[in-house]
Amino acid sequence: MGEAEWTRTVIDTLCGAIDQTRNYKVRIHACTAIRALPERASFGGRAEFVDVVNCIVKALRSAATTEDATFTEYKYMQPWQQQLNDCGVYLLSLATEEDRHTLTSNIQALTALLPTSSDA
């Protein structure tokens, strides 16, 4: 991935699944797929990485509420939130200094949204 012409399509699809799908198992698997990318270069350019960080920040903000969870999906809320937390930590570990500069406000938001070790 990364340099392949379909990288943008895969990133958009995964972010779409995280952002728009009501099924939490699908969301969880999309986060897992993002975390499976082995290195920063796998995300493609800065634009793709920025989009993924923005997607995870948005998802973390909305994951705190259960209003969009149906009764059958409610049992997946905690695994969903854990997967988002893990994905956020992973993205922070991959971010370059240039990424951090470009994403200053979202890196700060991501850091603030992630539980501290005392919260876990």
PDB file of N, CA and C in Angstrom:
ATOM      1  N   MET A   1       0.856  -1.169   0.000  1.00  0.00           N
ATOM      2  CA  MET A   1       0.000   0.000   0.000  1.00  0.00           C
ATOM      3  C   MET A   1       0.898   1.225   0.000  1.00  0.00           C
ATOM      4  N   GLY A   2       0.402   2.372   0.291  1.00  0.00           N
ATOM      5  CA  GLY A   2       1.216   3.571   0.358  1.00  0.00           C
ATOM      6  C   GLY A   2       1.432   4.218  -0.990  1.00  0.00           C
ATOM      7  N   GLU A   3       2.174   3.542  -1.851  1.00  0.00           N
ATOM      8  CA  GLU A   3       2.458   4.091  -3.172  1.00  0.00           C
ATOM      9  C   GLU A   3       1.494   3.580  -4.242  1.00  0.00           C
ATOM     10  N   ALA A   4       0.684   2.617  -3.912  1.00  0.00           N
ATOM     11  CA  ALA A   4      -0.266   2.067  -4.880  1.00  0.00           C
ATOM     12  C   ALA A   4      -1.328   3.113  -5.217  1.00  0.00           C
ATOM     13  N   GLU A   5      -1.806   3.068  -6.426  1.00  0.00           N
ATOM     14  CA  GLU A   5      -2.789   4.061  -6.861  1.00  0.00           C
ATOM     15  C   GLU A   5      -4.114   3.916  -6.124  1.00  0.00           C
ATOM     16  N   TRP A   6      -4.377   2.777  -5.528  1.00  0.00           N
ATOM     17  CA  TRP A   6      -5.631   2.551  -4.832  1.00  0.00           C
ATOM     18  C   TRP A   6      -5.552   2.864  -3.330  1.00  0.00           C
ATOM     19  N   THR A   7      -4.429   3.369  -2.864  1.00  0.00           N
ATOM     20  CA  THR A   7      -4.280   3.688  -1.444  1.00  0.00           C
ATOM     21  C   THR A   7      -5.368   4.642  -0.970  1.00  0.00           C
ATOM     22  N   ARG A   8      -5.601   5.706  -1.725  1.00  0.00           N
ATOM     23  CA  ARG A   8      -6.604   6.711  -1.351  1.00  0.00           C
ATOM     24  C   ARG A   8      -7.988   6.065  -1.237  1.00  0.00           C
ATOM     25  N   THR A   9      -8.312   5.172  -2.158  1.00  0.00           N
ATOM     26  CA  THR A   9      -9.611   4.505  -2.135  1.00  0.00           C
ATOM     27  C   THR A   9      -9.765   3.653  -0.878  1.00  0.00           C
ATOM     28  N   VAL A  10      -8.719   2.926  -0.511  1.00  0.00           N
ATOM     29  CA  VAL A  10      -8.767   2.085   0.689  1.00  0.00           C
ATOM     30  C   VAL A  10      -8.920   2.958   1.940  1.00  0.00           C
ATOM     31  N   ILE A  11      -8.130   4.012   2.037  1.00  0.00           N
ATOM     32  CA  ILE A  11      -8.214   4.918   3.193  1.00  0.00           C
ATOM     33  C   ILE A  11      -9.609   5.517   3.295  1.00  0.00           C
ATOM     34  N   ASP A  12     -10.142   5.999   2.171  1.00  0.00           N
ATOM     35  CA  ASP A  12     -11.493   6.586   2.170  1.00  0.00           C
ATOM     36  C   ASP A  12     -12.542   5.564   2.587  1.00  0.00           C
ATOM     37  N   THR A  13     -12.403   4.335   2.124  1.00  0.00           N
ATOM     38  CA  THR A  13     -13.358   3.282   2.462  1.00  0.00           C
ATOM     39  C   THR A  13     -13.307   2.947   3.952  1.00  0.00           C
ATOM     40  N   LEU A  14     -12.103   2.819   4.492  1.00  0.00           N
ATOM     41  CA  LEU A  14     -11.967   2.520   5.922  1.00  0.00           C
ATOM     42  C   LEU A  14     -12.516   3.659   6.776  1.00  0.00           C
ATOM     43  N   CYS A  15     -12.177   4.883   6.413  1.00  0.00           N
ATOM     44  CA  CYS A  15     -12.692   6.038   7.169  1.00  0.00           C
ATOM     45  C   CYS A  15     -14.211   6.138   7.038  1.00  0.00           C
ATOM     46  N   GLY A  16     -14.732   5.834   5.857  1.00  0.00           N
ATOM     47  CA  GLY A  16     -16.184   5.830   5.668  1.00  0.00           C
ATOM     48  C   GLY A  16     -16.860   4.792   6.549  1.00  0.00           C
ATOM     49  N   ALA A  17     -16.240   3.624   6.667  1.00  0.00           N
ATOM     50  CA  ALA A  17     -16.793   2.577   7.526  1.00  0.00           C
ATOM     51  C   ALA A  17     -16.782   3.019   8.988  1.00  0.00           C
ATOM     52  N   ILE A  18     -15.722   3.664   9.399  1.00  0.00           N
ATOM     53  CA  ILE A  18     -15.607   4.138  10.783  1.00  0.00           C
ATOM     54  C   ILE A  18     -16.609   5.248  11.064  1.00  0.00           C
ATOM     55  N   ASP A  19     -16.770   6.120  10.115  1.00  0.00           N
ATOM     56  CA  ASP A  19     -17.581   7.329  10.302  1.00  0.00           C
ATOM     57  C   ASP A  19     -19.071   7.117  10.047  1.00  0.00           C
ATOM     58  N   GLN A  20     -19.418   6.268   9.096  1.00  0.00           N
ATOM     59  CA  GLN A  20     -20.802   6.243   8.628  1.00  0.00           C
ATOM     60  C   GLN A  20     -21.557   4.937   8.855  1.00  0.00           C
ATOM     61  N   THR A  21     -20.854   3.863   9.103  1.00  0.00           N
ATOM     62  CA  THR A  21     -21.530   2.579   9.272  1.00  0.00           C
ATOM     63  C   THR A  21     -22.138   2.485  10.664  1.00  0.00           C
ATOM     64  N   ARG A  22     -23.352   1.998  10.737  1.00  0.00           N
ATOM     65  CA  ARG A  22     -24.004   1.861  12.040  1.00  0.00           C
ATOM     66  C   ARG A  22     -23.580   0.578  12.755  1.00  0.00           C
ATOM     67  N   ASN A  23     -23.087  -0.389  12.028  1.00  0.00           N
ATOM     68  CA  ASN A  23     -22.686  -1.674  12.591  1.00  0.00           C
ATOM     69  C   ASN A  23     -21.314  -1.532  13.270  1.00  0.00           C
ATOM     70  N   TYR A  24     -21.286  -1.727  14.569  1.00  0.00           N
ATOM     71  CA  TYR A  24     -20.047  -1.534  15.324  1.00  0.00           C
ATOM     72  C   TYR A  24     -18.997  -2.587  15.017  1.00  0.00           C
ATOM     73  N   LYS A  25     -19.412  -3.796  14.642  1.00  0.00           N
ATOM     74  CA  LYS A  25     -18.418  -4.806  14.269  1.00  0.00           C
ATOM     75  C   LYS A  25     -17.672  -4.372  13.006  1.00  0.00           C
ATOM     76  N   VAL A  26     -18.377  -3.767  12.070  1.00  0.00           N
ATOM     77  CA  VAL A  26     -17.728  -3.256  10.856  1.00  0.00           C
ATOM     78  C   VAL A  26     -16.761  -2.136  11.224  1.00  0.00           C
ATOM     79  N   ARG A  27     -17.179  -1.249  12.109  1.00  0.00           N
ATOM     80  CA  ARG A  27     -16.307  -0.152  12.558  1.00  0.00           C
ATOM     81  C   ARG A  27     -15.051  -0.700  13.232  1.00  0.00           C
ATOM     82  N   ILE A  28     -15.240  -1.685  14.078  1.00  0.00           N
ATOM     83  CA  ILE A  28     -14.104  -2.296  14.782  1.00  0.00           C
ATOM     84  C   ILE A  28     -13.114  -2.887  13.785  1.00  0.00           C
ATOM     85  N   HIS A  29     -13.627  -3.589  12.798  1.00  0.00           N
ATOM     86  CA  HIS A  29     -12.751  -4.202  11.790  1.00  0.00           C
ATOM     87  C   HIS A  29     -12.046  -3.144  10.938  1.00  0.00           C
ATOM     88  N   ALA A  30     -12.703  -2.039  10.664  1.00  0.00           N
ATOM     89  CA  ALA A  30     -12.050  -0.959   9.908  1.00  0.00           C
ATOM     90  C   ALA A  30     -10.887  -0.377  10.710  1.00  0.00           C
ATOM     91  N   CYS A  31     -11.072  -0.194  12.015  1.00  0.00           N
ATOM     92  CA  CYS A  31      -9.976   0.277  12.874  1.00  0.00           C
ATOM     93  C   CYS A  31      -8.841  -0.737  12.912  1.00  0.00           C
ATOM     94  N   THR A  32      -9.200  -1.994  12.980  1.00  0.00           N
ATOM     95  CA  THR A  32      -8.186  -3.046  12.985  1.00  0.00           C
ATOM     96  C   THR A  32      -7.370  -3.001  11.701  1.00  0.00           C
ATOM     97  N   ALA A  33      -8.038  -2.778  10.579  1.00  0.00           N
ATOM     98  CA  ALA A  33      -7.334  -2.692   9.293  1.00  0.00           C
ATOM     99  C   ALA A  33      -6.372  -1.508   9.268  1.00  0.00           C
ATOM    100  N   ILE A  34      -6.768  -0.387   9.834  1.00  0.00           N
ATOM    101  CA  ILE A  34      -5.880   0.778   9.891  1.00  0.00           C
ATOM    102  C   ILE A  34      -4.658   0.457  10.749  1.00  0.00           C
ATOM    103  N   ARG A  35      -4.894  -0.206  11.868  1.00  0.00           N
ATOM    104  CA  ARG A  35      -3.778  -0.560  12.750  1.00  0.00           C
ATOM    105  C   ARG A  35      -2.878  -1.627  12.144  1.00  0.00           C
ATOM    106  N   ALA A  36      -3.362  -2.315  11.138  1.00  0.00           N
ATOM    107  CA  ALA A  36      -2.544  -3.344  10.485  1.00  0.00           C
ATOM    108  C   ALA A  36      -1.545  -2.755   9.496  1.00  0.00           C
ATOM    109  N   LEU A  37      -1.712  -1.488   9.151  1.00  0.00           N
ATOM    110  CA  LEU A  37      -0.741  -0.856   8.257  1.00  0.00           C
ATOM    111  C   LEU A  37       0.579  -0.753   9.009  1.00  0.00           C
ATOM    112  N   PRO A  38       1.642  -1.356   8.476  1.00  0.00           N
ATOM    113  CA  PRO A  38       2.855  -1.557   9.271  1.00  0.00           C
ATOM    114  C   PRO A  38       3.720  -0.321   9.511  1.00  0.00           C
ATOM    115  N   GLU A  39       3.536   0.714   8.731  1.00  0.00           N
ATOM    116  CA  GLU A  39       4.402   1.891   8.886  1.00  0.00           C
ATOM    117  C   GLU A  39       3.705   3.130   8.349  1.00  0.00           C
ATOM    118  N   ARG A  40       4.234   4.272   8.676  1.00  0.00           N
ATOM    119  CA  ARG A  40       3.653   5.545   8.264  1.00  0.00           C
ATOM    120  C   ARG A  40       3.528   5.638   6.745  1.00  0.00           C
ATOM    121  N   ALA A  41       4.502   5.154   6.006  1.00  0.00           N
ATOM    122  CA  ALA A  41       4.483   5.224   4.537  1.00  0.00           C
ATOM    123  C   ALA A  41       3.321   4.432   3.943  1.00  0.00           C
ATOM    124  N   SER A  42       2.787   3.483   4.667  1.00  0.00           N
ATOM    125  CA  SER A  42       1.664   2.678   4.172  1.00  0.00           C
ATOM    126  C   SER A  42       0.398   3.500   3.986  1.00  0.00           C
ATOM    127  N   PHE A  43       0.315   4.633   4.662  1.00  0.00           N
ATOM    128  CA  PHE A  43      -0.866   5.489   4.559  1.00  0.00           C
ATOM    129  C   PHE A  43      -0.845   6.341   3.298  1.00  0.00           C
ATOM    130  N   GLY A  44       0.262   6.328   2.569  1.00  0.00           N
ATOM    131  CA  GLY A  44       0.389   7.194   1.409  1.00  0.00           C
ATOM    132  C   GLY A  44       0.963   8.529   1.841  1.00  0.00           C
ATOM    133  N   GLY A  45       0.461   9.576   1.279  1.00  0.00           N
ATOM    134  CA  GLY A  45       0.965  10.915   1.575  1.00  0.00           C
ATOM    135  C   GLY A  45       0.387  11.487   2.852  1.00  0.00           C
ATOM    136  N   ARG A  46       0.781  12.706   3.111  1.00  0.00           N
ATOM    137  CA  ARG A  46       0.318  13.407   4.318  1.00  0.00           C
ATOM    138  C   ARG A  46      -1.199  13.549   4.314  1.00  0.00           C
ATOM    139  N   ALA A  47      -1.795  13.808   3.157  1.00  0.00           N
ATOM    140  CA  ALA A  47      -3.243  14.024   3.087  1.00  0.00           C
ATOM    141  C   ALA A  47      -4.009  12.806   3.590  1.00  0.00           C
ATOM    142  N   GLU A  48      -3.565  11.620   3.198  1.00  0.00           N
ATOM    143  CA  GLU A  48      -4.241  10.400   3.647  1.00  0.00           C
ATOM    144  C   GLU A  48      -4.085  10.200   5.150  1.00  0.00           C
ATOM    145  N   PHE A  49      -2.876  10.445   5.655  1.00  0.00           N
ATOM    146  CA  PHE A  49      -2.647  10.287   7.091  1.00  0.00           C
ATOM    147  C   PHE A  49      -3.489  11.292   7.875  1.00  0.00           C
ATOM    148  N   VAL A  50      -3.537  12.527   7.396  1.00  0.00           N
ATOM    149  CA  VAL A  50      -4.350  13.566   8.039  1.00  0.00           C
ATOM    150  C   VAL A  50      -5.816  13.140   8.065  1.00  0.00           C
ATOM    151  N   ASP A  51      -6.299  12.605   6.956  1.00  0.00           N
ATOM    152  CA  ASP A  51      -7.690  12.161   6.900  1.00  0.00           C
ATOM    153  C   ASP A  51      -7.979  11.064   7.917  1.00  0.00           C
ATOM    154  N   VAL A  52      -7.052  10.130   8.086  1.00  0.00           N
ATOM    155  CA  VAL A  52      -7.248   9.046   9.053  1.00  0.00           C
ATOM    156  C   VAL A  52      -7.257   9.606  10.477  1.00  0.00           C
ATOM    157  N   VAL A  53      -6.321  10.482  10.796  1.00  0.00           N
ATOM    158  CA  VAL A  53      -6.296  11.086  12.135  1.00  0.00           C
ATOM    159  C   VAL A  53      -7.591  11.857  12.388  1.00  0.00           C
ATOM    160  N   ASN A  54      -8.020  12.648  11.410  1.00  0.00           N
ATOM    161  CA  ASN A  54      -9.265  13.406  11.563  1.00  0.00           C
ATOM    162  C   ASN A  54     -10.448  12.474  11.793  1.00  0.00           C
ATOM    163  N   CYS A  55     -10.485  11.375  11.069  1.00  0.00           N
ATOM    164  CA  CYS A  55     -11.556  10.384  11.205  1.00  0.00           C
ATOM    165  C   CYS A  55     -11.573   9.785  12.605  1.00  0.00           C
ATOM    166  N   ILE A  56     -10.416   9.421  13.115  1.00  0.00           N
ATOM    167  CA  ILE A  56     -10.344   8.797  14.443  1.00  0.00           C
ATOM    168  C   ILE A  56     -10.695   9.809  15.533  1.00  0.00           C
ATOM    169  N   VAL A  57     -10.245  11.054  15.383  1.00  0.00           N
ATOM    170  CA  VAL A  57     -10.605  12.091  16.362  1.00  0.00           C
ATOM    171  C   VAL A  57     -12.123  12.278  16.386  1.00  0.00           C
ATOM    172  N   LYS A  58     -12.726  12.372  15.210  1.00  0.00           N
ATOM    173  CA  LYS A  58     -14.180  12.533  15.129  1.00  0.00           C
ATOM    174  C   LYS A  58     -14.891  11.338  15.759  1.00  0.00           C
ATOM    175  N   ALA A  59     -14.410  10.137  15.480  1.00  0.00           N
ATOM    176  CA  ALA A  59     -15.030   8.934  16.036  1.00  0.00           C
ATOM    177  C   ALA A  59     -14.876   8.873  17.554  1.00  0.00           C
ATOM    178  N   LEU A  60     -13.703   9.255  18.056  1.00  0.00           N
ATOM    179  CA  LEU A  60     -13.499   9.270  19.508  1.00  0.00           C
ATOM    180  C   LEU A  60     -14.451  10.249  20.185  1.00  0.00           C
ATOM    181  N   ARG A  61     -14.654  11.387  19.550  1.00  0.00           N
ATOM    182  CA  ARG A  61     -15.576  12.376  20.121  1.00  0.00           C
ATOM    183  C   ARG A  61     -16.996  11.834  20.176  1.00  0.00           C
ATOM    184  N   SER A  62     -17.417  11.137  19.143  1.00  0.00           N
ATOM    185  CA  SER A  62     -18.796  10.642  19.113  1.00  0.00           C
ATOM    186  C   SER A  62     -18.966   9.325  19.867  1.00  0.00           C
ATOM    187  N   ALA A  63     -17.895   8.599  20.128  1.00  0.00           N
ATOM    188  CA  ALA A  63     -17.998   7.306  20.802  1.00  0.00           C
ATOM    189  C   ALA A  63     -18.416   7.432  22.260  1.00  0.00           C
ATOM    190  N   ALA A  64     -18.279   8.601  22.805  1.00  0.00           N
ATOM    191  CA  ALA A  64     -18.636   8.803  24.208  1.00  0.00           C
ATOM    192  C   ALA A  64     -20.145   8.719  24.429  1.00  0.00           C
ATOM    193  N   THR A  65     -20.916   8.888  23.357  1.00  0.00           N
ATOM    194  CA  THR A  65     -22.369   8.802  23.484  1.00  0.00           C
ATOM    195  C   THR A  65     -22.840   7.464  22.942  1.00  0.00           C
ATOM    196  N   THR A  66     -23.939   7.005  23.465  1.00  0.00           N
ATOM    197  CA  THR A  66     -24.506   5.740  22.999  1.00  0.00           C
ATOM    198  C   THR A  66     -25.815   5.970  22.256  1.00  0.00           C
ATOM    199  N   GLU A  67     -26.112   7.210  21.914  1.00  0.00           N
ATOM    200  CA  GLU A  67     -27.410   7.516  21.315  1.00  0.00           C
ATOM    201  C   GLU A  67     -27.617   6.876  19.946  1.00  0.00           C
ATOM    202  N   ASP A  68     -26.541   6.594  19.207  1.00  0.00           N
ATOM    203  CA  ASP A  68     -26.732   5.972  17.896  1.00  0.00           C
ATOM    204  C   ASP A  68     -26.605   4.453  17.934  1.00  0.00           C
ATOM    205  N   ALA A  69     -26.438   3.896  19.127  1.00  0.00           N
ATOM    206  CA  ALA A  69     -26.300   2.444  19.259  1.00  0.00           C
ATOM    207  C   ALA A  69     -27.672   1.806  19.436  1.00  0.00           C
ATOM    208  N   THR A  70     -27.972   0.850  18.585  1.00  0.00           N
ATOM    209  CA  THR A  70     -29.199   0.092  18.761  1.00  0.00           C
ATOM    210  C   THR A  70     -28.972  -0.922  19.877  1.00  0.00           C
ATOM    211  N   PHE A  71     -30.038  -1.514  20.333  1.00  0.00           N
ATOM    212  CA  PHE A  71     -29.920  -2.488  21.418  1.00  0.00           C
ATOM    213  C   PHE A  71     -28.969  -3.622  21.043  1.00  0.00           C
ATOM    214  N   THR A  72     -29.075  -4.119  19.814  1.00  0.00           N
ATOM    215  CA  THR A  72     -28.229  -5.233  19.395  1.00  0.00           C
ATOM    216  C   THR A  72     -26.771  -4.827  19.233  1.00  0.00           C
ATOM    217  N   GLU A  73     -26.511  -3.559  18.971  1.00  0.00           N
ATOM    218  CA  GLU A  73     -25.136  -3.085  18.793  1.00  0.00           C
ATOM    219  C   GLU A  73     -24.511  -2.597  20.095  1.00  0.00           C
ATOM    220  N   TYR A  74     -25.317  -2.361  21.102  1.00  0.00           N
ATOM    221  CA  TYR A  74     -24.826  -1.783  22.353  1.00  0.00           C
ATOM    222  C   TYR A  74     -23.686  -2.591  22.963  1.00  0.00           C
ATOM    223  N   LYS A  75     -23.744  -3.910  22.851  1.00  0.00           N
ATOM    224  CA  LYS A  75     -22.704  -4.758  23.453  1.00  0.00           C
ATOM    225  C   LYS A  75     -21.336  -4.551  22.805  1.00  0.00           C
ATOM    226  N   TYR A  76     -21.307  -3.915  21.634  1.00  0.00           N
ATOM    227  CA  TYR A  76     -20.034  -3.666  20.954  1.00  0.00           C
ATOM    228  C   TYR A  76     -19.463  -2.273  21.247  1.00  0.00           C
ATOM    229  N   MET A  77     -20.164  -1.484  22.049  1.00  0.00           N
ATOM    230  CA  MET A  77     -19.700  -0.126  22.341  1.00  0.00           C
ATOM    231  C   MET A  77     -18.336  -0.127  23.033  1.00  0.00           C
ATOM    232  N   GLN A  78     -18.169  -0.932  24.060  1.00  0.00           N
ATOM    233  CA  GLN A  78     -16.890  -0.941  24.774  1.00  0.00           C
ATOM    234  C   GLN A  78     -15.750  -1.435  23.885  1.00  0.00           C
ATOM    235  N   PRO A  79     -15.915  -2.541  23.147  1.00  0.00           N
ATOM    236  CA  PRO A  79     -14.834  -2.943  22.232  1.00  0.00           C
ATOM    237  C   PRO A  79     -14.546  -1.881  21.164  1.00  0.00           C
ATOM    238  N   TRP A  80     -15.594  -1.195  20.718  1.00  0.00           N
ATOM    239  CA  TRP A  80     -15.424  -0.113  19.737  1.00  0.00           C
ATOM    240  C   TRP A  80     -14.577   1.010  20.320  1.00  0.00           C
ATOM    241  N   GLN A  81     -14.893   1.426  21.516  1.00  0.00           N
ATOM    242  CA  GLN A  81     -14.134   2.488  22.156  1.00  0.00           C
ATOM    243  C   GLN A  81     -12.689   2.060  22.404  1.00  0.00           C
ATOM    244  N   GLN A  82     -12.485   0.805  22.802  1.00  0.00           N
ATOM    245  CA  GLN A  82     -11.121   0.315  23.015  1.00  0.00           C
ATOM    246  C   GLN A  82     -10.348   0.295  21.702  1.00  0.00           C
ATOM    247  N   GLN A  83     -10.986  -0.139  20.641  1.00  0.00           N
ATOM    248  CA  GLN A  83     -10.328  -0.187  19.341  1.00  0.00           C
ATOM    249  C   GLN A  83      -9.947   1.221  18.874  1.00  0.00           C
ATOM    250  N   LEU A  84     -10.843   2.189  19.105  1.00  0.00           N
ATOM    251  CA  LEU A  84     -10.533   3.580  18.769  1.00  0.00           C
ATOM    252  C   LEU A  84      -9.346   4.092  19.571  1.00  0.00           C
ATOM    253  N   ASN A  85      -9.324   3.793  20.856  1.00  0.00           N
ATOM    254  CA  ASN A  85      -8.208   4.205  21.704  1.00  0.00           C
ATOM    255  C   ASN A  85      -6.898   3.612  21.189  1.00  0.00           C
ATOM    256  N   ASP A  86      -6.926   2.327  20.899  1.00  0.00           N
ATOM    257  CA  ASP A  86      -5.724   1.654  20.392  1.00  0.00           C
ATOM    258  C   ASP A  86      -5.279   2.245  19.063  1.00  0.00           C
ATOM    259  N   CYS A  87      -6.245   2.550  18.212  1.00  0.00           N
ATOM    260  CA  CYS A  87      -5.934   3.136  16.909  1.00  0.00           C
ATOM    261  C   CYS A  87      -5.331   4.535  17.087  1.00  0.00           C
ATOM    262  N   GLY A  88      -5.887   5.308  18.004  1.00  0.00           N
ATOM    263  CA  GLY A  88      -5.346   6.639  18.277  1.00  0.00           C
ATOM    264  C   GLY A  88      -3.912   6.585  18.773  1.00  0.00           C
ATOM    265  N   VAL A  89      -3.630   5.685  19.690  1.00  0.00           N
ATOM    266  CA  VAL A  89      -2.268   5.521  20.200  1.00  0.00           C
ATOM    267  C   VAL A  89      -1.336   5.110  19.070  1.00  0.00           C
ATOM    268  N   TYR A  90      -1.795   4.209  18.222  1.00  0.00           N
ATOM    269  CA  TYR A  90      -0.984   3.745  17.093  1.00  0.00           C
ATOM    270  C   TYR A  90      -0.673   4.897  16.134  1.00  0.00           C
ATOM    271  N   LEU A  91      -1.682   5.687  15.806  1.00  0.00           N
ATOM    272  CA  LEU A  91      -1.461   6.818  14.898  1.00  0.00           C
ATOM    273  C   LEU A  91      -0.485   7.833  15.491  1.00  0.00           C
ATOM    274  N   LEU A  92      -0.608   8.084  16.784  1.00  0.00           N
ATOM    275  CA  LEU A  92       0.337   8.993  17.435  1.00  0.00           C
ATOM    276  C   LEU A  92       1.759   8.466  17.338  1.00  0.00           C
ATOM    277  N   SER A  93       1.908   7.156  17.458  1.00  0.00           N
ATOM    278  CA  SER A  93       3.253   6.572  17.392  1.00  0.00           C
ATOM    279  C   SER A  93       3.852   6.667  15.992  1.00  0.00           C
ATOM    280  N   LEU A  94       3.000   6.739  14.968  1.00  0.00           N
ATOM    281  CA  LEU A  94       3.484   6.814  13.591  1.00  0.00           C
ATOM    282  C   LEU A  94       3.703   8.246  13.091  1.00  0.00           C
ATOM    283  N   ALA A  95       3.090   9.201  13.751  1.00  0.00           N
ATOM    284  CA  ALA A  95       3.130  10.586  13.273  1.00  0.00           C
ATOM    285  C   ALA A  95       4.559  11.129  13.257  1.00  0.00           C
ATOM    286  N   THR A  96       4.922  11.713  12.132  1.00  0.00           N
ATOM    287  CA  THR A  96       6.226  12.361  12.002  1.00  0.00           C
ATOM    288  C   THR A  96       6.140  13.769  12.585  1.00  0.00           C
ATOM    289  N   GLU A  97       7.263  14.424  12.722  1.00  0.00           N
ATOM    290  CA  GLU A  97       7.261  15.815  13.193  1.00  0.00           C
ATOM    291  C   GLU A  97       6.458  16.699  12.241  1.00  0.00           C
ATOM    292  N   GLU A  98       6.582  16.457  10.940  1.00  0.00           N
ATOM    293  CA  GLU A  98       5.810  17.239   9.970  1.00  0.00           C
ATOM    294  C   GLU A  98       4.317  16.978  10.133  1.00  0.00           C
ATOM    295  N   ASP A  99       3.934  15.719  10.384  1.00  0.00           N
ATOM    296  CA  ASP A  99       2.527  15.396  10.640  1.00  0.00           C
ATOM    297  C   ASP A  99       2.043  16.152  11.873  1.00  0.00           C
ATOM    298  N   ARG A 100       2.847  16.120  12.910  1.00  0.00           N
ATOM    299  CA  ARG A 100       2.458  16.781  14.160  1.00  0.00           C
ATOM    300  C   ARG A 100       2.285  18.283  13.959  1.00  0.00           C
ATOM    301  N   HIS A 101       3.129  18.857  13.115  1.00  0.00           N
ATOM    302  CA  HIS A 101       3.006  20.286  12.823  1.00  0.00           C
ATOM    303  C   HIS A 101       1.729  20.564  12.035  1.00  0.00           C
ATOM    304  N   THR A 102       1.462  19.745  11.039  1.00  0.00           N
ATOM    305  CA  THR A 102       0.266  19.911  10.208  1.00  0.00           C
ATOM    306  C   THR A 102      -1.007  19.674  11.012  1.00  0.00           C
ATOM    307  N   LEU A 103      -0.964  18.728  11.912  1.00  0.00           N
ATOM    308  CA  LEU A 103      -2.138  18.291  12.667  1.00  0.00           C
ATOM    309  C   LEU A 103      -2.159  18.797  14.103  1.00  0.00           C
ATOM    310  N   THR A 104      -1.543  19.914  14.370  1.00  0.00           N
ATOM    311  CA  THR A 104      -1.371  20.371  15.751  1.00  0.00           C
ATOM    312  C   THR A 104      -2.653  20.257  16.568  1.00  0.00           C
ATOM    313  N   SER A 105      -3.749  20.830  16.095  1.00  0.00           N
ATOM    314  CA  SER A 105      -4.976  20.823  16.902  1.00  0.00           C
ATOM    315  C   SER A 105      -5.557  19.415  17.030  1.00  0.00           C
ATOM    316  N   ASN A 106      -5.484  18.617  15.968  1.00  0.00           N
ATOM    317  CA  ASN A 106      -6.034  17.264  16.063  1.00  0.00           C
ATOM    318  C   ASN A 106      -5.141  16.325  16.848  1.00  0.00           C
ATOM    319  N   ILE A 107      -3.837  16.532  16.821  1.00  0.00           N
ATOM    320  CA  ILE A 107      -2.941  15.737  17.669  1.00  0.00           C
ATOM    321  C   ILE A 107      -3.239  16.063  19.130  1.00  0.00           C
ATOM    322  N   GLN A 108      -3.437  17.332  19.436  1.00  0.00           N
ATOM    323  CA  GLN A 108      -3.784  17.724  20.802  1.00  0.00           C
ATOM    324  C   GLN A 108      -5.127  17.125  21.206  1.00  0.00           C
ATOM    325  N   ALA A 109      -6.104  17.172  20.289  1.00  0.00           N
ATOM    326  CA  ALA A 109      -7.422  16.596  20.578  1.00  0.00           C
ATOM    327  C   ALA A 109      -7.310  15.086  20.776  1.00  0.00           C
ATOM    328  N   LEU A 110      -6.539  14.436  19.920  1.00  0.00           N
ATOM    329  CA  LEU A 110      -6.358  12.988  20.028  1.00  0.00           C
ATOM    330  C   LEU A 110      -5.728  12.629  21.360  1.00  0.00           C
ATOM    331  N   THR A 111      -4.704  13.356  21.734  1.00  0.00           N
ATOM    332  CA  THR A 111      -4.036  13.107  23.010  1.00  0.00           C
ATOM    333  C   THR A 111      -5.008  13.331  24.181  1.00  0.00           C
ATOM    334  N   ALA A 112      -5.813  14.375  24.092  1.00  0.00           N
ATOM    335  CA  ALA A 112      -6.772  14.670  25.166  1.00  0.00           C
ATOM    336  C   ALA A 112      -7.891  13.626  25.239  1.00  0.00           C
ATOM    337  N   LEU A 113      -8.292  13.076  24.103  1.00  0.00           N
ATOM    338  CA  LEU A 113      -9.388  12.112  24.080  1.00  0.00           C
ATOM    339  C   LEU A 113      -8.993  10.720  24.530  1.00  0.00           C
ATOM    340  N   LEU A 114      -7.712  10.404  24.418  1.00  0.00           N
ATOM    341  CA  LEU A 114      -7.261   9.069  24.806  1.00  0.00           C
ATOM    342  C   LEU A 114      -7.165   8.972  26.321  1.00  0.00           C
ATOM    343  N   PRO A 115      -7.559   7.828  26.863  1.00  0.00           N
ATOM    344  CA  PRO A 115      -7.474   7.685  28.329  1.00  0.00           C
ATOM    345  C   PRO A 115      -6.008   7.638  28.757  1.00  0.00           C
ATOM    346  N   THR A 116      -5.764   8.176  29.921  1.00  0.00           N
ATOM    347  CA  THR A 116      -4.420   8.091  30.480  1.00  0.00           C
ATOM    348  C   THR A 116      -4.244   6.708  31.085  1.00  0.00           C
ATOM    349  N   SER A 117      -3.023   6.362  31.407  1.00  0.00           N
ATOM    350  CA  SER A 117      -2.773   5.028  31.972  1.00  0.00           C
ATOM    351  C   SER A 117      -3.527   4.825  33.282  1.00  0.00           C
ATOM    352  N   SER A 118      -3.813   5.886  34.013  1.00  0.00           N
ATOM    353  CA  SER A 118      -4.554   5.749  35.259  1.00  0.00           C
ATOM    354  C   SER A 118      -6.040   5.511  35.000  1.00  0.00           C
ATOM    355  N   ASP A 119      -6.532   5.883  33.775  1.00  0.00           N
ATOM    356  CA  ASP A 119      -7.930   5.656  33.421  1.00  0.00           C
ATOM    357  C   ASP A 119      -8.178   4.216  33.012  1.00  0.00           C
ATOM    358  N   ALA A 120      -7.157   3.544  32.533  1.00  0.00           N
ATOM    359  CA  ALA A 120      -7.334   2.193  31.972  1.00  0.00           C
ATOM    360  C   ALA A 120      -7.585   1.161  33.026  1.00  0.00           C
TER     361      ALA A 120
END
